[in-house]
């Protein structure tokens, strides 16, 4: 089993973790409803992607007339 011979310095540890930063996703306006949506994803508010409705969005609150 691999065991380190020496302690890893803070600088080397930081160099290794330099690519772990979080980034905000790119957003663009939906061509159908103009809400901001993530690029290459279906719109979370209207469900359209590529000029077609790909996801049917349920209305908020749900149906109160349960059987």
PDB file of N, CA and C in Angstrom:
ATOM      1  N   UNK A   1       0.842  -1.172   0.000  1.00  0.00           N
ATOM      2  CA  UNK A   1       0.000   0.000   0.000  1.00  0.00           C
ATOM      3  C   UNK A   1       0.886   1.234   0.000  1.00  0.00           C
ATOM      4  N   UNK A   2       0.518   2.240  -0.794  1.00  0.00           N
ATOM      5  CA  UNK A   2       1.326   3.449  -0.889  1.00  0.00           C
ATOM      6  C   UNK A   2       1.182   4.327   0.338  1.00  0.00           C
ATOM      7  N   UNK A   3       2.331   4.650   0.945  1.00  0.00           N
ATOM      8  CA  UNK A   3       2.354   5.512   2.117  1.00  0.00           C
ATOM      9  C   UNK A   3       3.322   6.652   1.832  1.00  0.00           C
ATOM     10  N   UNK A   4       2.914   7.924   2.048  1.00  0.00           N
ATOM     11  CA  UNK A   4       3.829   9.023   1.759  1.00  0.00           C
ATOM     12  C   UNK A   4       5.023   9.031   2.707  1.00  0.00           C
ATOM     13  N   UNK A   5       6.215   9.310   2.154  1.00  0.00           N
ATOM     14  CA  UNK A   5       7.416   9.383   2.979  1.00  0.00           C
ATOM     15  C   UNK A   5       7.523  10.724   3.682  1.00  0.00           C
ATOM     16  N   UNK A   6       7.011  11.779   3.058  1.00  0.00           N
ATOM     17  CA  UNK A   6       7.111  13.121   3.632  1.00  0.00           C
ATOM     18  C   UNK A   6       5.747  13.806   3.604  1.00  0.00           C
ATOM     19  N   UNK A   7       5.621  14.783   4.476  1.00  0.00           N
ATOM     20  CA  UNK A   7       4.401  15.576   4.561  1.00  0.00           C
ATOM     21  C   UNK A   7       4.269  16.435   3.305  1.00  0.00           C
ATOM     22  N   UNK A   8       3.052  16.570   2.799  1.00  0.00           N
ATOM     23  CA  UNK A   8       2.811  17.413   1.628  1.00  0.00           C
ATOM     24  C   UNK A   8       2.677  18.855   2.113  1.00  0.00           C
ATOM     25  N   UNK A   9       3.452  19.767   1.521  1.00  0.00           N
ATOM     26  CA  UNK A   9       3.418  21.171   1.931  1.00  0.00           C
ATOM     27  C   UNK A   9       2.099  21.811   1.503  1.00  0.00           C
ATOM     28  N   UNK A  10       1.822  22.960   2.141  1.00  0.00           N
ATOM     29  CA  UNK A  10       0.586  23.677   1.819  1.00  0.00           C
ATOM     30  C   UNK A  10       0.582  24.131   0.363  1.00  0.00           C
ATOM     31  N   UNK A  11       1.750  24.505  -0.164  1.00  0.00           N
ATOM     32  CA  UNK A  11       1.830  24.966  -1.550  1.00  0.00           C
ATOM     33  C   UNK A  11       1.519  23.826  -2.516  1.00  0.00           C
ATOM     34  N   UNK A  12       2.096  22.674  -2.289  1.00  0.00           N
ATOM     35  CA  UNK A  12       1.813  21.524  -3.170  1.00  0.00           C
ATOM     36  C   UNK A  12       0.359  21.081  -3.043  1.00  0.00           C
ATOM     37  N   UNK A  13      -0.155  21.119  -1.837  1.00  0.00           N
ATOM     38  CA  UNK A  13      -1.559  20.764  -1.623  1.00  0.00           C
ATOM     39  C   UNK A  13      -2.464  21.738  -2.378  1.00  0.00           C
ATOM     40  N   UNK A  14      -2.128  23.033  -2.324  1.00  0.00           N
ATOM     41  CA  UNK A  14      -2.909  24.033  -3.041  1.00  0.00           C
ATOM     42  C   UNK A  14      -2.800  23.874  -4.547  1.00  0.00           C
ATOM     43  N   UNK A  15      -1.605  23.523  -5.041  1.00  0.00           N
ATOM     44  CA  UNK A  15      -1.417  23.287  -6.475  1.00  0.00           C
ATOM     45  C   UNK A  15      -2.284  22.124  -6.949  1.00  0.00           C
ATOM     46  N   UNK A  16      -2.366  21.099  -6.137  1.00  0.00           N
ATOM     47  CA  UNK A  16      -3.159  19.933  -6.516  1.00  0.00           C
ATOM     48  C   UNK A  16      -4.647  20.280  -6.544  1.00  0.00           C
ATOM     49  N   UNK A  17      -5.075  21.133  -5.631  1.00  0.00           N
ATOM     50  CA  UNK A  17      -6.495  21.485  -5.529  1.00  0.00           C
ATOM     51  C   UNK A  17      -6.869  22.713  -6.351  1.00  0.00           C
ATOM     52  N   UNK A  18      -5.965  23.194  -7.197  1.00  0.00           N
ATOM     53  CA  UNK A  18      -6.215  24.433  -7.922  1.00  0.00           C
ATOM     54  C   UNK A  18      -7.371  24.318  -8.916  1.00  0.00           C
ATOM     55  N   UNK A  19      -7.747  23.115  -9.311  1.00  0.00           N
ATOM     56  CA  UNK A  19      -8.820  22.923 -10.281  1.00  0.00           C
ATOM     57  C   UNK A  19     -10.141  22.557  -9.616  1.00  0.00           C
ATOM     58  N   UNK A  20     -10.210  22.634  -8.294  1.00  0.00           N
ATOM     59  CA  UNK A  20     -11.414  22.213  -7.575  1.00  0.00           C
ATOM     60  C   UNK A  20     -12.388  23.350  -7.306  1.00  0.00           C
ATOM     61  N   UNK A  21     -12.105  24.549  -7.790  1.00  0.00           N
ATOM     62  CA  UNK A  21     -12.958  25.697  -7.504  1.00  0.00           C
ATOM     63  C   UNK A  21     -14.317  25.541  -8.193  1.00  0.00           C
ATOM     64  N   UNK A  22     -15.362  26.013  -7.538  1.00  0.00           N
ATOM     65  CA  UNK A  22     -16.698  25.977  -8.109  1.00  0.00           C
ATOM     66  C   UNK A  22     -16.876  27.159  -9.051  1.00  0.00           C
ATOM     67  N   UNK A  23     -17.573  26.935 -10.133  1.00  0.00           N
ATOM     68  CA  UNK A  23     -17.840  27.998 -11.093  1.00  0.00           C
ATOM     69  C   UNK A  23     -19.346  28.083 -11.330  1.00  0.00           C
ATOM     70  N   UNK A  24     -19.820  29.276 -11.615  1.00  0.00           N
ATOM     71  CA  UNK A  24     -21.233  29.461 -11.924  1.00  0.00           C
ATOM     72  C   UNK A  24     -21.508  28.932 -13.331  1.00  0.00           C
ATOM     73  N   UNK A  25     -22.631  28.237 -13.532  1.00  0.00           N
ATOM     74  CA  UNK A  25     -22.944  27.749 -14.873  1.00  0.00           C
ATOM     75  C   UNK A  25     -23.305  28.900 -15.803  1.00  0.00           C
ATOM     76  N   UNK A  26     -23.029  28.724 -17.087  1.00  0.00           N
ATOM     77  CA  UNK A  26     -23.386  29.738 -18.081  1.00  0.00           C
ATOM     78  C   UNK A  26     -24.903  29.751 -18.242  1.00  0.00           C
ATOM     79  N   UNK A  27     -25.477  30.943 -18.217  1.00  0.00           N
ATOM     80  CA  UNK A  27     -26.920  31.101 -18.351  1.00  0.00           C
ATOM     81  C   UNK A  27     -27.235  31.891 -19.611  1.00  0.00           C
ATOM     82  N   UNK A  28     -28.390  31.587 -20.207  1.00  0.00           N
ATOM     83  CA  UNK A  28     -28.864  32.307 -21.388  1.00  0.00           C
ATOM     84  C   UNK A  28     -30.374  32.438 -21.276  1.00  0.00           C
ATOM     85  N   UNK A  29     -30.972  33.438 -21.925  1.00  0.00           N
ATOM     86  CA  UNK A  29     -32.433  33.549 -21.882  1.00  0.00           C
ATOM     87  C   UNK A  29     -33.081  32.459 -22.738  1.00  0.00           C
ATOM     88  N   UNK A  30     -34.154  31.885 -22.220  1.00  0.00           N
ATOM     89  CA  UNK A  30     -34.910  30.874 -22.961  1.00  0.00           C
ATOM     90  C   UNK A  30     -35.578  31.563 -24.147  1.00  0.00           C
ATOM     91  N   UNK A  31     -35.455  31.017 -25.365  1.00  0.00           N
ATOM     92  CA  UNK A  31     -36.085  31.658 -26.518  1.00  0.00           C
ATOM     93  C   UNK A  31     -37.613  31.590 -26.482  1.00  0.00           C
ATOM     94  N   UNK A  32     -38.173  30.720 -25.642  1.00  0.00           N
ATOM     95  CA  UNK A  32     -39.629  30.571 -25.588  1.00  0.00           C
ATOM     96  C   UNK A  32     -40.251  31.481 -24.538  1.00  0.00           C
ATOM     97  N   UNK A  33     -39.700  31.493 -23.300  1.00  0.00           N
ATOM     98  CA  UNK A  33     -40.325  32.270 -22.224  1.00  0.00           C
ATOM     99  C   UNK A  33     -39.435  33.387 -21.681  1.00  0.00           C
ATOM    100  N   UNK A  34     -38.215  33.506 -22.165  1.00  0.00           N
ATOM    101  CA  UNK A  34     -37.252  34.547 -21.784  1.00  0.00           C
ATOM    102  C   UNK A  34     -36.755  34.453 -20.342  1.00  0.00           C
ATOM    103  N   UNK A  35     -37.012  33.348 -19.647  1.00  0.00           N
ATOM    104  CA  UNK A  35     -36.425  33.127 -18.326  1.00  0.00           C
ATOM    105  C   UNK A  35     -34.977  32.670 -18.525  1.00  0.00           C
ATOM    106  N   UNK A  36     -34.111  32.958 -17.549  1.00  0.00           N
ATOM    107  CA  UNK A  36     -32.728  32.524 -17.654  1.00  0.00           C
ATOM    108  C   UNK A  36     -32.654  31.016 -17.408  1.00  0.00           C
ATOM    109  N   UNK A  37     -31.913  30.302 -18.272  1.00  0.00           N
ATOM    110  CA  UNK A  37     -31.773  28.860 -18.160  1.00  0.00           C
ATOM    111  C   UNK A  37     -30.328  28.486 -18.423  1.00  0.00           C
ATOM    112  N   UNK A  38     -29.940  27.298 -17.994  1.00  0.00           N
ATOM    113  CA  UNK A  38     -28.585  26.813 -18.224  1.00  0.00           C
ATOM    114  C   UNK A  38     -28.431  26.411 -19.691  1.00  0.00           C
ATOM    115  N   UNK A  39     -27.259  26.679 -20.244  1.00  0.00           N
ATOM    116  CA  UNK A  39     -26.984  26.385 -21.643  1.00  0.00           C
ATOM    117  C   UNK A  39     -27.049  24.864 -21.866  1.00  0.00           C
ATOM    118  N   UNK A  40     -27.658  24.423 -22.961  1.00  0.00           N
ATOM    119  CA  UNK A  40     -27.803  23.020 -23.357  1.00  0.00           C
ATOM    120  C   UNK A  40     -28.665  22.208 -22.390  1.00  0.00           C
ATOM    121  N   UNK A  41     -29.560  22.871 -21.660  1.00  0.00           N
ATOM    122  CA  UNK A  41     -30.503  22.200 -20.772  1.00  0.00           C
ATOM    123  C   UNK A  41     -31.899  22.672 -21.140  1.00  0.00           C
ATOM    124  N   UNK A  42     -32.911  21.849 -20.846  1.00  0.00           N
ATOM    125  CA  UNK A  42     -34.300  22.272 -21.041  1.00  0.00           C
ATOM    126  C   UNK A  42     -34.621  23.354 -20.020  1.00  0.00           C
ATOM    127  N   UNK A  43     -35.479  24.272 -20.392  1.00  0.00           N
ATOM    128  CA  UNK A  43     -35.844  25.384 -19.519  1.00  0.00           C
ATOM    129  C   UNK A  43     -36.627  24.849 -18.316  1.00  0.00           C
ATOM    130  N   UNK A  44     -36.216  25.184 -17.078  1.00  0.00           N
ATOM    131  CA  UNK A  44     -36.936  24.672 -15.916  1.00  0.00           C
ATOM    132  C   UNK A  44     -38.301  25.311 -15.710  1.00  0.00           C
ATOM    133  N   UNK A  45     -38.575  26.465 -16.330  1.00  0.00           N
ATOM    134  CA  UNK A  45     -39.859  27.117 -16.111  1.00  0.00           C
ATOM    135  C   UNK A  45     -40.905  26.748 -17.160  1.00  0.00           C
ATOM    136  N   UNK A  46     -40.484  26.497 -18.417  1.00  0.00           N
ATOM    137  CA  UNK A  46     -41.480  26.167 -19.445  1.00  0.00           C
ATOM    138  C   UNK A  46     -41.270  24.773 -20.053  1.00  0.00           C
ATOM    139  N   UNK A  47     -40.083  24.192 -19.911  1.00  0.00           N
ATOM    140  CA  UNK A  47     -39.838  22.838 -20.397  1.00  0.00           C
ATOM    141  C   UNK A  47     -39.465  22.745 -21.858  1.00  0.00           C
ATOM    142  N   UNK A  48     -39.165  23.852 -22.510  1.00  0.00           N
ATOM    143  CA  UNK A  48     -38.827  23.844 -23.929  1.00  0.00           C
ATOM    144  C   UNK A  48     -37.327  23.724 -24.124  1.00  0.00           C
ATOM    145  N   UNK A  49     -36.932  23.033 -25.180  1.00  0.00           N
ATOM    146  CA  UNK A  49     -35.518  22.934 -25.575  1.00  0.00           C
ATOM    147  C   UNK A  49     -35.468  22.676 -27.071  1.00  0.00           C
ATOM    148  N   UNK A  50     -34.703  23.458 -27.794  1.00  0.00           N
ATOM    149  CA  UNK A  50     -34.543  23.257 -29.228  1.00  0.00           C
ATOM    150  C   UNK A  50     -35.811  23.495 -30.020  1.00  0.00           C
ATOM    151  N   UNK A  51     -36.666  24.410 -29.570  1.00  0.00           N
ATOM    152  CA  UNK A  51     -37.884  24.724 -30.296  1.00  0.00           C
ATOM    153  C   UNK A  51     -39.023  23.758 -30.072  1.00  0.00           C
ATOM    154  N   UNK A  52     -38.885  22.810 -29.131  1.00  0.00           N
ATOM    155  CA  UNK A  52     -39.937  21.834 -28.847  1.00  0.00           C
ATOM    156  C   UNK A  52     -40.134  21.719 -27.344  1.00  0.00           C
ATOM    157  N   UNK A  53     -41.339  21.338 -26.928  1.00  0.00           N
ATOM    158  CA  UNK A  53     -41.584  21.065 -25.521  1.00  0.00           C
ATOM    159  C   UNK A  53     -41.056  19.673 -25.218  1.00  0.00           C
ATOM    160  N   UNK A  54     -39.998  19.600 -24.416  1.00  0.00           N
ATOM    161  CA  UNK A  54     -39.369  18.311 -24.132  1.00  0.00           C
ATOM    162  C   UNK A  54     -39.742  17.782 -22.757  1.00  0.00           C
ATOM    163  N   UNK A  55     -40.088  18.678 -21.836  1.00  0.00           N
ATOM    164  CA  UNK A  55     -40.453  18.284 -20.478  1.00  0.00           C
ATOM    165  C   UNK A  55     -41.765  18.962 -20.132  1.00  0.00           C
ATOM    166  N   UNK A  56     -42.735  18.185 -19.660  1.00  0.00           N
ATOM    167  CA  UNK A  56     -44.001  18.773 -19.250  1.00  0.00           C
ATOM    168  C   UNK A  56     -43.862  19.227 -17.802  1.00  0.00           C
ATOM    169  N   UNK A  57     -44.061  20.526 -17.571  1.00  0.00           N
ATOM    170  CA  UNK A  57     -43.906  21.111 -16.253  1.00  0.00           C
ATOM    171  C   UNK A  57     -45.252  21.085 -15.539  1.00  0.00           C
ATOM    172  N   UNK A  58     -45.272  20.537 -14.299  1.00  0.00           N
ATOM    173  CA  UNK A  58     -46.488  20.506 -13.517  1.00  0.00           C
ATOM    174  C   UNK A  58     -46.688  21.864 -12.864  1.00  0.00           C
ATOM    175  N   UNK A  59     -47.926  22.315 -12.717  1.00  0.00           N
ATOM    176  CA  UNK A  59     -48.164  23.586 -12.025  1.00  0.00           C
ATOM    177  C   UNK A  59     -47.816  23.471 -10.553  1.00  0.00           C
ATOM    178  N   UNK A  60     -47.374  24.593  -9.967  1.00  0.00           N
ATOM    179  CA  UNK A  60     -46.980  24.600  -8.561  1.00  0.00           C
ATOM    180  C   UNK A  60     -48.205  24.425  -7.672  1.00  0.00           C
ATOM    181  N   UNK A  61     -48.002  23.809  -6.511  1.00  0.00           N
ATOM    182  CA  UNK A  61     -49.094  23.645  -5.567  1.00  0.00           C
ATOM    183  C   UNK A  61     -49.712  22.265  -5.632  1.00  0.00           C
ATOM    184  N   UNK A  62     -49.660  21.623  -6.769  1.00  0.00           N
ATOM    185  CA  UNK A  62     -50.206  20.288  -6.907  1.00  0.00           C
ATOM    186  C   UNK A  62     -51.726  20.283  -7.002  1.00  0.00           C
ATOM    187  N   UNK A  63     -52.258  19.120  -7.212  1.00  0.00           N
ATOM    188  CA  UNK A  63     -53.692  18.942  -7.348  1.00  0.00           C
ATOM    189  C   UNK A  63     -54.291  18.677  -5.959  1.00  0.00           C
ATOM    190  N   UNK A  64     -55.277  19.476  -5.542  1.00  0.00           N
ATOM    191  CA  UNK A  64     -55.868  19.313  -4.219  1.00  0.00           C
ATOM    192  C   UNK A  64     -57.055  18.361  -4.237  1.00  0.00           C
ATOM    193  N   UNK A  65     -57.531  17.952  -5.407  1.00  0.00           N
ATOM    194  CA  UNK A  65     -58.683  17.054  -5.491  1.00  0.00           C
ATOM    195  C   UNK A  65     -58.213  15.607  -5.573  1.00  0.00           C
ATOM    196  N   UNK A  66     -57.581  15.116  -4.513  1.00  0.00           N
ATOM    197  CA  UNK A  66     -57.090  13.740  -4.486  1.00  0.00           C
ATOM    198  C   UNK A  66     -58.266  12.788  -4.320  1.00  0.00           C
ATOM    199  N   UNK A  67     -58.233  11.621  -4.975  1.00  0.00           N
ATOM    200  CA  UNK A  67     -59.367  10.682  -4.875  1.00  0.00           C
ATOM    201  C   UNK A  67     -59.487  10.035  -3.532  1.00  0.00           C
TER     202      UNK A  67
END
